[in-house]
């Protein structure tokens, strides 16, 4: 039973859970809903960061090419 519950929670987290991310489009602030898997990829290559208020912010503008590799 625990294995089924764990599998369900994993499936939900990977495919359905999303988080709001602040971004910019043409210099104007917008809010996006990003999936957990896309957010993890962006975080691994410095595509997102937390701002002073603790909210997640995208480091590149919408329409720009996202970072492909970690800056370090």
Protein backbone atom coordinates (compact mmCIF):
# COMPACT_ATOMS: atom_id res chain seq x y z
CA UNK A 1 0.00 0.00 0.00
CA UNK A 2 2.83 2.41 0.85
CA UNK A 3 4.49 1.69 -2.50
CA UNK A 4 1.30 2.67 -4.35
CA UNK A 5 0.96 5.86 -2.31
CA UNK A 6 4.60 6.73 -2.92
CA UNK A 7 4.23 6.08 -6.65
CA UNK A 8 1.14 8.28 -6.80
CA UNK A 9 2.86 11.15 -4.98
CA UNK A 10 5.91 10.87 -7.25
CA UNK A 11 3.71 10.89 -10.37
CA UNK A 12 1.77 13.90 -9.08
CA UNK A 13 4.92 15.86 -8.24
CA UNK A 14 6.60 15.21 -11.58
CA UNK A 15 3.64 15.68 -13.93
CA UNK A 16 1.03 17.89 -12.26
CA UNK A 17 2.53 20.07 -9.54
CA UNK A 18 3.52 23.54 -10.66
CA UNK A 19 4.96 26.63 -9.01
CA UNK A 20 4.53 30.29 -9.89
CA UNK A 21 7.64 32.06 -11.17
CA UNK A 22 8.14 35.79 -11.72
CA UNK A 23 9.54 36.63 -15.15
CA UNK A 24 9.87 39.55 -17.54
CA UNK A 25 8.47 39.92 -21.04
CA UNK A 26 9.43 43.04 -22.98
CA UNK A 27 10.54 44.64 -19.71
CA UNK A 28 7.15 44.06 -18.04
CA UNK A 29 6.80 41.70 -15.06
CA UNK A 30 4.63 38.59 -15.62
CA UNK A 31 3.87 35.50 -13.54
CA UNK A 32 4.28 32.02 -15.03
CA UNK A 33 3.26 28.58 -13.81
CA UNK A 34 6.18 26.16 -14.27
CA UNK A 35 6.17 22.43 -13.68
CA UNK A 36 8.45 21.00 -11.02
CA UNK A 37 10.59 19.21 -13.62
CA UNK A 38 11.09 22.40 -15.67
CA UNK A 39 11.85 24.34 -12.50
CA UNK A 40 14.46 21.78 -11.38
CA UNK A 41 16.15 22.00 -14.79
CA UNK A 42 16.19 25.81 -14.67
CA UNK A 43 17.54 25.79 -11.12
CA UNK A 44 20.37 23.44 -12.09
CA UNK A 45 21.65 25.85 -14.79
CA UNK A 46 21.06 29.12 -12.90
CA UNK A 47 17.87 29.91 -14.81
CA UNK A 48 15.94 30.80 -11.63
CA UNK A 49 16.81 32.37 -8.28
CA UNK A 50 15.03 33.68 -5.19
CA UNK A 51 14.55 37.43 -4.87
CA UNK A 52 14.70 39.50 -1.67
CA UNK A 53 11.11 38.58 -0.75
CA UNK A 54 11.73 34.84 -1.18
CA UNK A 55 9.76 34.44 -4.42
CA UNK A 56 11.21 32.50 -7.33
CA UNK A 57 12.38 34.71 -10.19
CA UNK A 58 13.46 33.71 -13.71
CA UNK A 59 16.90 35.12 -14.58
CA UNK A 60 16.23 35.53 -18.31
CA UNK A 61 13.40 37.25 -20.20
CA UNK A 62 10.63 35.32 -21.93
CA UNK A 63 11.70 34.73 -25.53
CA UNK A 64 15.42 34.78 -24.67
CA UNK A 65 17.41 31.59 -24.85
CA UNK A 66 17.58 29.89 -21.45
CA UNK A 67 20.98 29.07 -19.96
CA UNK A 68 22.26 25.69 -21.15
CA UNK A 69 24.94 25.05 -18.55
CA UNK A 70 25.72 26.13 -15.01
CA UNK A 71 27.65 29.39 -14.89
CA UNK A 72 30.19 27.88 -12.50
